[in-house]
Amino acid sequence: MTTALPLEQLQSVRGGPLYVKLRKMIEDAVASGRLKHGDALPAERDIAEAADISRVTVRKAIDELVEEGLLVRRRGSGTFVVKPVPRMQQPLSQLTSFTEDMRRRGMVAGSRWLGRGLFYPTAEETMMLGLVGGARVARIDRLRTANDMPIALERTSLPDDLLPDPDRIEDSLYLCLLDAGIRPVRANQRISAVLLTDEETKLLGVPPGSAALSVQRIAYLETGRVMEMSRALYRSDAYDLVAELGIGSPMKPQD
């Protein structure tokens, strides 16, 4: 953190009160990339000692950056950088893949593979996917990115006869399945708010204790067979889920 914030040089910096100089030093570190989204600042006591200034001065500089939205305080965890990220809207009325979503926005979708292969199914996978006998499940875990920015954590499970070789997926699961003539026609989605685990926040590059949008999807083939079950955790600071609702018939007065 000394490299990111050369606090020992603060006294020699020209221009304004000490709290203004400290605020600008932090802003410059974020703008230059020395401090990144999710990075923790040193404790206010440590900043005060390193810069040879009072804790009141440190608190004033940080308070202003919190008000501006560049920093966030997490109770019991500390103060973190929350460099703004572009927000994206995902309509819930269309069944599309993450790759299609990003392409439509002019962004490049990417994946970091966290795991994939054929496994013995869990009880939930057996029930939801309608697996019988010795059938296994194709399971893929990915960190999804847009222009190299982490956006979502995604786990998808499919029957092994629909995806016998998970390693042949390149960028898009749906494009891989379409090459084999497999295409979902409808899906049910359940959305909820959840708190991310420490490991999940590290993967997504967000501060500890951050929330996410959990989207659980069950997709079906034209025959009615379940094609996939998935759960994605979307960064709540980057993603908005939007639903378009139709207006029903006016209610008739009761006799």
C-alpha atoms as a PDB file:
ATOM      1  CA  MET A   1       0.000   0.000   0.000  1.00  0.00           C
ATOM      2  CA  THR A   2       3.046   2.300   0.506  1.00  0.00           C
ATOM      3  CA  THR A   3       3.625   2.233  -3.253  1.00  0.00           C
ATOM      4  CA  ALA A   4      -0.022   2.991  -3.987  1.00  0.00           C
ATOM      5  CA  LEU A   5      -0.171   5.768  -1.384  1.00  0.00           C
ATOM      6  CA  PRO A   6       3.207   7.436  -0.732  1.00  0.00           C
ATOM      7  CA  LEU A   7       1.927   8.882   2.538  1.00  0.00           C
ATOM      8  CA  GLU A   8       5.376   9.843   3.760  1.00  0.00           C
ATOM      9  CA  GLN A   9       5.458  12.430   0.938  1.00  0.00           C
ATOM     10  CA  LEU A  10       2.163  14.095   1.870  1.00  0.00           C
ATOM     11  CA  GLN A  11       3.710  16.892   3.943  1.00  0.00           C
ATOM     12  CA  SER A  12       5.903  17.984   1.014  1.00  0.00           C
ATOM     13  CA  VAL A  13       3.020  18.121  -1.496  1.00  0.00           C
ATOM     14  CA  ARG A  14       1.938  21.634  -2.376  1.00  0.00           C
ATOM     15  CA  GLY A  15      -1.599  22.908  -2.579  1.00  0.00           C
ATOM     16  CA  GLY A  16      -4.241  23.370   0.086  1.00  0.00           C
ATOM     17  CA  PRO A  17      -4.990  21.907   3.503  1.00  0.00           C
ATOM     18  CA  LEU A  18      -3.652  18.499   4.478  1.00  0.00           C
ATOM     19  CA  TYR A  19      -7.037  16.771   4.174  1.00  0.00           C
ATOM     20  CA  VAL A  20      -7.388  18.075   0.593  1.00  0.00           C
ATOM     21  CA  LYS A  21      -3.915  16.793  -0.290  1.00  0.00           C
ATOM     22  CA  LEU A  22      -4.704  13.379   1.209  1.00  0.00           C
ATOM     23  CA  ARG A  23      -8.016  13.204  -0.643  1.00  0.00           C
ATOM     24  CA  LYS A  24      -6.280  14.060  -3.933  1.00  0.00           C
ATOM     25  CA  MET A  25      -3.567  11.465  -3.281  1.00  0.00           C
ATOM     26  CA  ILE A  26      -6.215   8.763  -2.884  1.00  0.00           C
ATOM     27  CA  GLU A  27      -8.139   9.987  -5.952  1.00  0.00           C
ATOM     28  CA  ASP A  28      -4.949   9.942  -8.051  1.00  0.00           C
ATOM     29  CA  ALA A  29      -4.107   6.423  -6.866  1.00  0.00           C
ATOM     30  CA  VAL A  30      -7.544   5.193  -7.976  1.00  0.00           C
ATOM     31  CA  ALA A  31      -7.430   7.054 -11.314  1.00  0.00           C
ATOM     32  CA  SER A  32      -3.977   5.660 -12.122  1.00  0.00           C
ATOM     33  CA  GLY A  33      -4.935   2.099 -11.195  1.00  0.00           C
ATOM     34  CA  ARG A  34      -2.572   1.833  -8.236  1.00  0.00           C
ATOM     35  CA  LEU A  35      -5.689   1.368  -6.122  1.00  0.00           C
ATOM     36  CA  LYS A  36      -8.285  -0.857  -7.741  1.00  0.00           C
ATOM     37  CA  HIS A  37     -11.934  -1.598  -7.149  1.00  0.00           C
ATOM     38  CA  GLY A  38     -12.210  -3.662  -3.958  1.00  0.00           C
ATOM     39  CA  ASP A  39      -8.792  -2.700  -2.538  1.00  0.00           C
ATOM     40  CA  ALA A  40      -8.754  -1.888   1.164  1.00  0.00           C
ATOM     41  CA  LEU A  41      -7.280   1.329   2.524  1.00  0.00           C
ATOM     42  CA  PRO A  42      -4.994   1.169   5.541  1.00  0.00           C
ATOM     43  CA  ALA A  43      -6.658   1.868   8.866  1.00  0.00           C
ATOM     44  CA  GLU A  44      -7.139   5.580   9.591  1.00  0.00           C
ATOM     45  CA  ARG A  45      -4.690   5.283  12.505  1.00  0.00           C
ATOM     46  CA  ASP A  46      -2.008   3.837  10.197  1.00  0.00           C
ATOM     47  CA  ILE A  47      -2.580   6.549   7.574  1.00  0.00           C
ATOM     48  CA  ALA A  48      -2.263   9.246  10.243  1.00  0.00           C
ATOM     49  CA  GLU A  49       1.004   7.796  11.542  1.00  0.00           C
ATOM     50  CA  ALA A  50       2.533   7.284   8.079  1.00  0.00           C
ATOM     51  CA  ALA A  51       1.613  10.793   6.895  1.00  0.00           C
ATOM     52  CA  ASP A  52       2.327  12.464  10.264  1.00  0.00           C
ATOM     53  CA  ILE A  53      -1.124  14.045  10.400  1.00  0.00           C
ATOM     54  CA  SER A  54      -4.038  13.866  12.819  1.00  0.00           C
ATOM     55  CA  ARG A  55      -6.753  11.229  12.626  1.00  0.00           C
ATOM     56  CA  VAL A  56      -9.281  14.064  12.366  1.00  0.00           C
ATOM     57  CA  THR A  57      -7.602  15.127   9.114  1.00  0.00           C
ATOM     58  CA  VAL A  58      -7.671  11.570   7.794  1.00  0.00           C
ATOM     59  CA  ARG A  59     -11.315  11.142   8.751  1.00  0.00           C
ATOM     60  CA  LYS A  60     -12.310  14.378   6.952  1.00  0.00           C
ATOM     61  CA  ALA A  61     -10.593  13.312   3.702  1.00  0.00           C
ATOM     62  CA  ILE A  62     -12.129   9.834   3.794  1.00  0.00           C
ATOM     63  CA  ASP A  63     -15.581  11.154   4.742  1.00  0.00           C
ATOM     64  CA  GLU A  64     -15.613  13.329   1.615  1.00  0.00           C
ATOM     65  CA  LEU A  65     -14.557  10.421  -0.615  1.00  0.00           C
ATOM     66  CA  VAL A  66     -17.256   8.242   0.918  1.00  0.00           C
ATOM     67  CA  GLU A  67     -19.822  10.945   0.151  1.00  0.00           C
ATOM     68  CA  GLU A  68     -18.558  11.110  -3.449  1.00  0.00           C
ATOM     69  CA  GLY A  69     -18.923   7.323  -3.770  1.00  0.00           C
ATOM     70  CA  LEU A  70     -15.239   6.568  -4.364  1.00  0.00           C
ATOM     71  CA  LEU A  71     -14.848   4.786  -1.016  1.00  0.00           C
ATOM     72  CA  VAL A  72     -17.181   2.713   1.094  1.00  0.00           C
ATOM     73  CA  ARG A  73     -16.960   1.767   4.758  1.00  0.00           C
ATOM     74  CA  ARG A  74     -17.839  -1.793   5.734  1.00  0.00           C
ATOM     75  CA  ARG A  75     -18.578  -2.267   9.416  1.00  0.00           C
ATOM     76  CA  GLY A  76     -15.984  -4.548  10.942  1.00  0.00           C
ATOM     77  CA  SER A  77     -14.021  -4.816   7.665  1.00  0.00           C
ATOM     78  CA  GLY A  78     -12.585  -1.373   6.879  1.00  0.00           C
ATOM     79  CA  THR A  79     -12.697   1.147   4.039  1.00  0.00           C
ATOM     80  CA  PHE A  80     -12.610   0.004   0.416  1.00  0.00           C
ATOM     81  CA  VAL A  81     -12.278   1.487  -3.040  1.00  0.00           C
ATOM     82  CA  VAL A  82     -15.476   1.332  -5.080  1.00  0.00           C
ATOM     83  CA  LYS A  83     -14.335   2.700  -8.415  1.00  0.00           C
ATOM     84  CA  PRO A  84     -17.509   3.187 -10.473  1.00  0.00           C
ATOM     85  CA  VAL A  85     -18.257   0.501 -13.064  1.00  0.00           C
ATOM     86  CA  PRO A  86     -20.677   0.835 -15.981  1.00  0.00           C
ATOM     87  CA  ARG A  87     -24.148  -0.460 -15.101  1.00  0.00           C
ATOM     88  CA  MET A  88     -25.836  -2.889 -17.465  1.00  0.00           C
ATOM     89  CA  GLN A  89     -29.495  -3.749 -17.830  1.00  0.00           C
ATOM     90  CA  GLN A  90     -30.670  -7.291 -18.528  1.00  0.00           C
ATOM     91  CA  PRO A  91     -34.270  -7.704 -19.715  1.00  0.00           C
ATOM     92  CA  LEU A  92     -36.012 -10.655 -18.110  1.00  0.00           C
ATOM     93  CA  SER A  93     -38.436 -11.124 -21.007  1.00  0.00           C
ATOM     94  CA  GLN A  94     -35.831 -12.727 -23.293  1.00  0.00           C
ATOM     95  CA  LEU A  95     -33.911 -15.977 -22.956  1.00  0.00           C
ATOM     96  CA  THR A  96     -30.382 -15.092 -24.045  1.00  0.00           C
ATOM     97  CA  SER A  97     -26.872 -16.173 -23.200  1.00  0.00           C
ATOM     98  CA  PHE A  98     -24.304 -14.012 -21.404  1.00  0.00           C
ATOM     99  CA  THR A  99     -22.229 -13.898 -24.604  1.00  0.00           C
ATOM    100  CA  GLU A 100     -25.214 -12.585 -26.584  1.00  0.00           C
ATOM    101  CA  ASP A 101     -25.961  -9.999 -23.885  1.00  0.00           C
ATOM    102  CA  MET A 102     -22.439  -8.591 -23.995  1.00  0.00           C
ATOM    103  CA  ARG A 103     -22.230  -8.630 -27.794  1.00  0.00           C
ATOM    104  CA  ARG A 104     -25.456  -6.639 -27.977  1.00  0.00           C
ATOM    105  CA  ARG A 105     -23.853  -3.994 -25.750  1.00  0.00           C
ATOM    106  CA  GLY A 106     -20.713  -3.835 -27.866  1.00  0.00           C
ATOM    107  CA  MET A 107     -18.652  -5.546 -25.167  1.00  0.00           C
ATOM    108  CA  VAL A 108     -16.432  -8.599 -25.338  1.00  0.00           C
ATOM    109  CA  ALA A 109     -17.625 -11.503 -23.202  1.00  0.00           C
ATOM    110  CA  GLY A 110     -15.049 -13.707 -21.573  1.00  0.00           C
ATOM    111  CA  SER A 111     -14.804 -16.595 -19.141  1.00  0.00           C
ATOM    112  CA  ARG A 112     -12.366 -17.791 -16.562  1.00  0.00           C
ATOM    113  CA  TRP A 113     -12.929 -21.489 -16.025  1.00  0.00           C
ATOM    114  CA  LEU A 114     -13.218 -22.418 -12.370  1.00  0.00           C
ATOM    115  CA  GLY A 115     -14.071 -26.040 -13.111  1.00  0.00           C
ATOM    116  CA  ARG A 116     -15.814 -28.253 -15.669  1.00  0.00           C
ATOM    117  CA  GLY A 117     -16.301 -31.930 -16.289  1.00  0.00           C
ATOM    118  CA  LEU A 118     -18.629 -34.888 -15.780  1.00  0.00           C
ATOM    119  CA  PHE A 119     -19.617 -35.686 -12.195  1.00  0.00           C
ATOM    120  CA  TYR A 120     -21.951 -37.835 -10.185  1.00  0.00           C
ATOM    121  CA  PRO A 121     -25.037 -35.692  -9.643  1.00  0.00           C
ATOM    122  CA  THR A 122     -26.243 -34.269  -6.379  1.00  0.00           C
ATOM    123  CA  ALA A 123     -29.727 -35.149  -5.181  1.00  0.00           C
ATOM    124  CA  GLU A 124     -30.973 -31.743  -6.422  1.00  0.00           C
ATOM    125  CA  GLU A 125     -29.425 -32.231  -9.863  1.00  0.00           C
ATOM    126  CA  THR A 126     -30.884 -35.732 -10.138  1.00  0.00           C
ATOM    127  CA  MET A 127     -34.364 -34.461  -9.328  1.00  0.00           C
ATOM    128  CA  MET A 128     -34.326 -31.221 -11.359  1.00  0.00           C
ATOM    129  CA  LEU A 129     -32.681 -32.697 -14.459  1.00  0.00           C
ATOM    130  CA  GLY A 130     -34.677 -35.946 -14.358  1.00  0.00           C
ATOM    131  CA  LEU A 131     -31.568 -38.132 -14.306  1.00  0.00           C
ATOM    132  CA  VAL A 132     -31.946 -41.897 -13.989  1.00  0.00           C
ATOM    133  CA  GLY A 133     -29.692 -44.891 -13.512  1.00  0.00           C
ATOM    134  CA  GLY A 134     -25.986 -44.199 -13.781  1.00  0.00           C
ATOM    135  CA  ALA A 135     -26.377 -40.904 -15.638  1.00  0.00           C
ATOM    136  CA  ARG A 136     -23.860 -38.249 -14.765  1.00  0.00           C
ATOM    137  CA  VAL A 137     -24.086 -34.496 -14.922  1.00  0.00           C
ATOM    138  CA  ALA A 138     -22.039 -32.063 -17.000  1.00  0.00           C
ATOM    139  CA  ARG A 139     -21.135 -29.251 -14.619  1.00  0.00           C
ATOM    140  CA  ILE A 140     -19.406 -25.995 -15.564  1.00  0.00           C
ATOM    141  CA  ASP A 141     -18.280 -23.244 -13.183  1.00  0.00           C
ATOM    142  CA  ARG A 142     -17.183 -19.920 -14.673  1.00  0.00           C
ATOM    143  CA  LEU A 143     -16.274 -16.364 -13.770  1.00  0.00           C
ATOM    144  CA  ARG A 144     -17.936 -14.294 -16.507  1.00  0.00           C
ATOM    145  CA  THR A 145     -16.292 -11.061 -17.655  1.00  0.00           C
ATOM    146  CA  ALA A 146     -17.193  -8.109 -19.877  1.00  0.00           C
ATOM    147  CA  ASN A 147     -14.224  -6.309 -21.411  1.00  0.00           C
ATOM    148  CA  ASP A 148     -12.107  -8.187 -18.846  1.00  0.00           C
ATOM    149  CA  MET A 149     -14.166  -6.839 -15.915  1.00  0.00           C
ATOM    150  CA  PRO A 150     -15.577  -9.547 -13.589  1.00  0.00           C
ATOM    151  CA  ILE A 151     -19.369  -9.486 -13.782  1.00  0.00           C
ATOM    152  CA  ALA A 152     -20.808 -12.786 -12.578  1.00  0.00           C
ATOM    153  CA  LEU A 153     -20.096 -16.191 -11.082  1.00  0.00           C
ATOM    154  CA  GLU A 154     -22.008 -18.916 -12.857  1.00  0.00           C
ATOM    155  CA  ARG A 155     -22.592 -22.636 -12.238  1.00  0.00           C
ATOM    156  CA  THR A 156     -24.531 -24.633 -14.826  1.00  0.00           C
ATOM    157  CA  SER A 157     -25.524 -28.307 -14.754  1.00  0.00           C
ATOM    158  CA  LEU A 158     -26.800 -30.323 -17.728  1.00  0.00           C
ATOM    159  CA  PRO A 159     -27.552 -34.017 -18.384  1.00  0.00           C
ATOM    160  CA  ASP A 160     -24.426 -35.715 -19.716  1.00  0.00           C
ATOM    161  CA  ASP A 161     -26.164 -36.918 -22.900  1.00  0.00           C
ATOM    162  CA  LEU A 162     -26.761 -33.268 -23.893  1.00  0.00           C
ATOM    163  CA  LEU A 163     -23.187 -32.236 -23.138  1.00  0.00           C
ATOM    164  CA  PRO A 164     -20.957 -35.336 -23.112  1.00  0.00           C
ATOM    165  CA  ASP A 165     -17.754 -33.292 -23.398  1.00  0.00           C
ATOM    166  CA  PRO A 166     -17.761 -30.000 -21.431  1.00  0.00           C
ATOM    167  CA  ASP A 167     -14.220 -29.278 -22.613  1.00  0.00           C
ATOM    168  CA  ARG A 168     -15.482 -28.491 -26.115  1.00  0.00           C
ATOM    169  CA  ILE A 169     -17.191 -25.300 -24.914  1.00  0.00           C
ATOM    170  CA  GLU A 170     -15.302 -22.256 -26.143  1.00  0.00           C
ATOM    171  CA  ASP A 171     -17.008 -18.983 -25.201  1.00  0.00           C
ATOM    172  CA  SER A 172     -20.738 -19.685 -25.238  1.00  0.00           C
ATOM    173  CA  LEU A 173     -22.474 -22.760 -23.849  1.00  0.00           C
ATOM    174  CA  TYR A 174     -25.608 -22.028 -25.877  1.00  0.00           C
ATOM    175  CA  LEU A 175     -23.649 -21.750 -29.143  1.00  0.00           C
ATOM    176  CA  CYS A 176     -21.924 -25.041 -28.351  1.00  0.00           C
ATOM    177  CA  LEU A 177     -25.298 -26.719 -27.775  1.00  0.00           C
ATOM    178  CA  LEU A 178     -26.791 -25.105 -30.889  1.00  0.00           C
ATOM    179  CA  ASP A 179     -24.070 -26.735 -33.000  1.00  0.00           C
ATOM    180  CA  ALA A 180     -25.484 -30.057 -31.787  1.00  0.00           C
ATOM    181  CA  GLY A 181     -29.053 -29.008 -32.571  1.00  0.00           C
ATOM    182  CA  ILE A 182     -29.933 -28.370 -28.917  1.00  0.00           C
ATOM    183  CA  ARG A 183     -31.789 -25.155 -28.126  1.00  0.00           C
ATOM    184  CA  PRO A 184     -33.846 -24.026 -25.129  1.00  0.00           C
ATOM    185  CA  VAL A 185     -37.267 -22.563 -25.881  1.00  0.00           C
ATOM    186  CA  ARG A 186     -38.325 -21.318 -22.447  1.00  0.00           C
ATOM    187  CA  ALA A 187     -37.033 -20.884 -18.931  1.00  0.00           C
ATOM    188  CA  ASN A 188     -38.122 -20.110 -15.401  1.00  0.00           C
ATOM    189  CA  GLN A 189     -35.970 -17.722 -13.381  1.00  0.00           C
ATOM    190  CA  ARG A 190     -35.916 -16.964  -9.685  1.00  0.00           C
ATOM    191  CA  ILE A 191     -34.172 -13.803  -8.491  1.00  0.00           C
ATOM    192  CA  SER A 192     -33.081 -12.976  -4.965  1.00  0.00           C
ATOM    193  CA  ALA A 193     -30.559 -10.828  -3.123  1.00  0.00           C
ATOM    194  CA  VAL A 194     -27.695 -12.606  -1.353  1.00  0.00           C
ATOM    195  CA  LEU A 195     -24.497 -11.716   0.471  1.00  0.00           C
ATOM    196  CA  LEU A 196     -21.336 -12.961  -1.206  1.00  0.00           C
ATOM    197  CA  THR A 197     -18.855 -15.167   0.614  1.00  0.00           C
ATOM    198  CA  ASP A 198     -15.284 -13.948   1.093  1.00  0.00           C
ATOM    199  CA  GLU A 199     -14.093 -16.179  -1.752  1.00  0.00           C
ATOM    200  CA  GLU A 200     -16.836 -14.898  -4.075  1.00  0.00           C
ATOM    201  CA  THR A 201     -15.971 -11.255  -3.344  1.00  0.00           C
ATOM    202  CA  LYS A 202     -12.328 -11.949  -4.207  1.00  0.00           C
ATOM    203  CA  LEU A 203     -13.278 -13.521  -7.536  1.00  0.00           C
ATOM    204  CA  LEU A 204     -15.620 -10.656  -8.438  1.00  0.00           C
ATOM    205  CA  GLY A 205     -13.264  -7.961  -7.170  1.00  0.00           C
ATOM    206  CA  VAL A 206     -15.747  -6.365  -4.774  1.00  0.00           C
ATOM    207  CA  PRO A 207     -15.365  -5.408  -1.094  1.00  0.00           C
ATOM    208  CA  PRO A 208     -16.091  -7.993   1.628  1.00  0.00           C
ATOM    209  CA  GLY A 209     -19.718  -8.102   2.649  1.00  0.00           C
ATOM    210  CA  SER A 210     -20.961  -7.054  -0.792  1.00  0.00           C
ATOM    211  CA  ALA A 211     -24.358  -8.155  -2.050  1.00  0.00           C
ATOM    212  CA  ALA A 212     -25.192  -9.813  -5.361  1.00  0.00           C
ATOM    213  CA  LEU A 213     -28.210 -10.683  -7.458  1.00  0.00           C
ATOM    214  CA  SER A 214     -28.752 -14.439  -7.458  1.00  0.00           C
ATOM    215  CA  VAL A 215     -30.482 -15.658 -10.636  1.00  0.00           C
ATOM    216  CA  GLN A 216     -31.526 -19.311 -10.670  1.00  0.00           C
ATOM    217  CA  ARG A 217     -32.630 -20.601 -14.064  1.00  0.00           C
ATOM    218  CA  ILE A 218     -34.323 -23.782 -15.240  1.00  0.00           C
ATOM    219  CA  ALA A 219     -34.336 -23.991 -19.053  1.00  0.00           C
ATOM    220  CA  TYR A 220     -36.464 -26.386 -21.119  1.00  0.00           C
ATOM    221  CA  LEU A 221     -36.269 -27.966 -24.556  1.00  0.00           C
ATOM    222  CA  GLU A 222     -39.224 -27.945 -26.946  1.00  0.00           C
ATOM    223  CA  THR A 223     -40.097 -31.454 -25.762  1.00  0.00           C
ATOM    224  CA  GLY A 224     -40.537 -30.146 -22.217  1.00  0.00           C
ATOM    225  CA  ARG A 225     -37.374 -31.814 -20.989  1.00  0.00           C
ATOM    226  CA  VAL A 226     -35.177 -29.808 -18.614  1.00  0.00           C
ATOM    227  CA  MET A 227     -32.043 -28.787 -20.515  1.00  0.00           C
ATOM    228  CA  GLU A 228     -30.132 -27.029 -17.756  1.00  0.00           C
ATOM    229  CA  MET A 229     -30.240 -25.722 -14.239  1.00  0.00           C
ATOM    230  CA  SER A 230     -27.995 -22.813 -13.360  1.00  0.00           C
ATOM    231  CA  ARG A 231     -27.254 -20.245 -10.704  1.00  0.00           C
ATOM    232  CA  ALA A 232     -25.502 -16.973 -11.461  1.00  0.00           C
ATOM    233  CA  LEU A 233     -24.330 -14.352  -8.986  1.00  0.00           C
ATOM    234  CA  TYR A 234     -24.287 -10.933 -10.635  1.00  0.00           C
ATOM    235  CA  ARG A 235     -22.478  -7.951  -9.169  1.00  0.00           C
ATOM    236  CA  SER A 236     -25.202  -5.709  -7.812  1.00  0.00           C
ATOM    237  CA  ASP A 237     -23.124  -2.589  -8.528  1.00  0.00           C
ATOM    238  CA  ALA A 238     -22.936  -3.412 -12.237  1.00  0.00           C
ATOM    239  CA  TYR A 239     -26.154  -5.196 -13.167  1.00  0.00           C
ATOM    240  CA  ASP A 240     -29.820  -4.236 -13.227  1.00  0.00           C
ATOM    241  CA  LEU A 241     -32.466  -6.830 -14.069  1.00  0.00           C
ATOM    242  CA  VAL A 242     -35.402  -5.258 -15.892  1.00  0.00           C
ATOM    243  CA  ALA A 243     -38.854  -6.742 -16.483  1.00  0.00           C
ATOM    244  CA  GLU A 244     -41.415  -5.380 -18.934  1.00  0.00           C
ATOM    245  CA  LEU A 245     -44.951  -5.954 -17.700  1.00  0.00           C
ATOM    246  CA  GLY A 246     -48.146  -5.910 -19.730  1.00  0.00           C
ATOM    247  CA  ILE A 247     -51.327  -4.314 -18.474  1.00  0.00           C
ATOM    248  CA  GLY A 248     -54.125  -6.780 -17.845  1.00  0.00           C
ATOM    249  CA  SER A 249     -57.822  -6.295 -18.518  1.00  0.00           C
ATOM    250  CA  PRO A 250     -59.553  -3.734 -16.294  1.00  0.00           C
ATOM    251  CA  MET A 251     -61.236  -5.292 -13.276  1.00  0.00           C
ATOM    252  CA  LYS A 252     -65.032  -5.341 -13.427  1.00  0.00           C
ATOM    253  CA  PRO A 253     -66.982  -4.035 -10.479  1.00  0.00           C
ATOM    254  CA  GLN A 254     -68.502  -6.723  -8.335  1.00  0.00           C
ATOM    255  CA  ASP A 255     -72.289  -7.067  -8.264  1.00  0.00           C
END
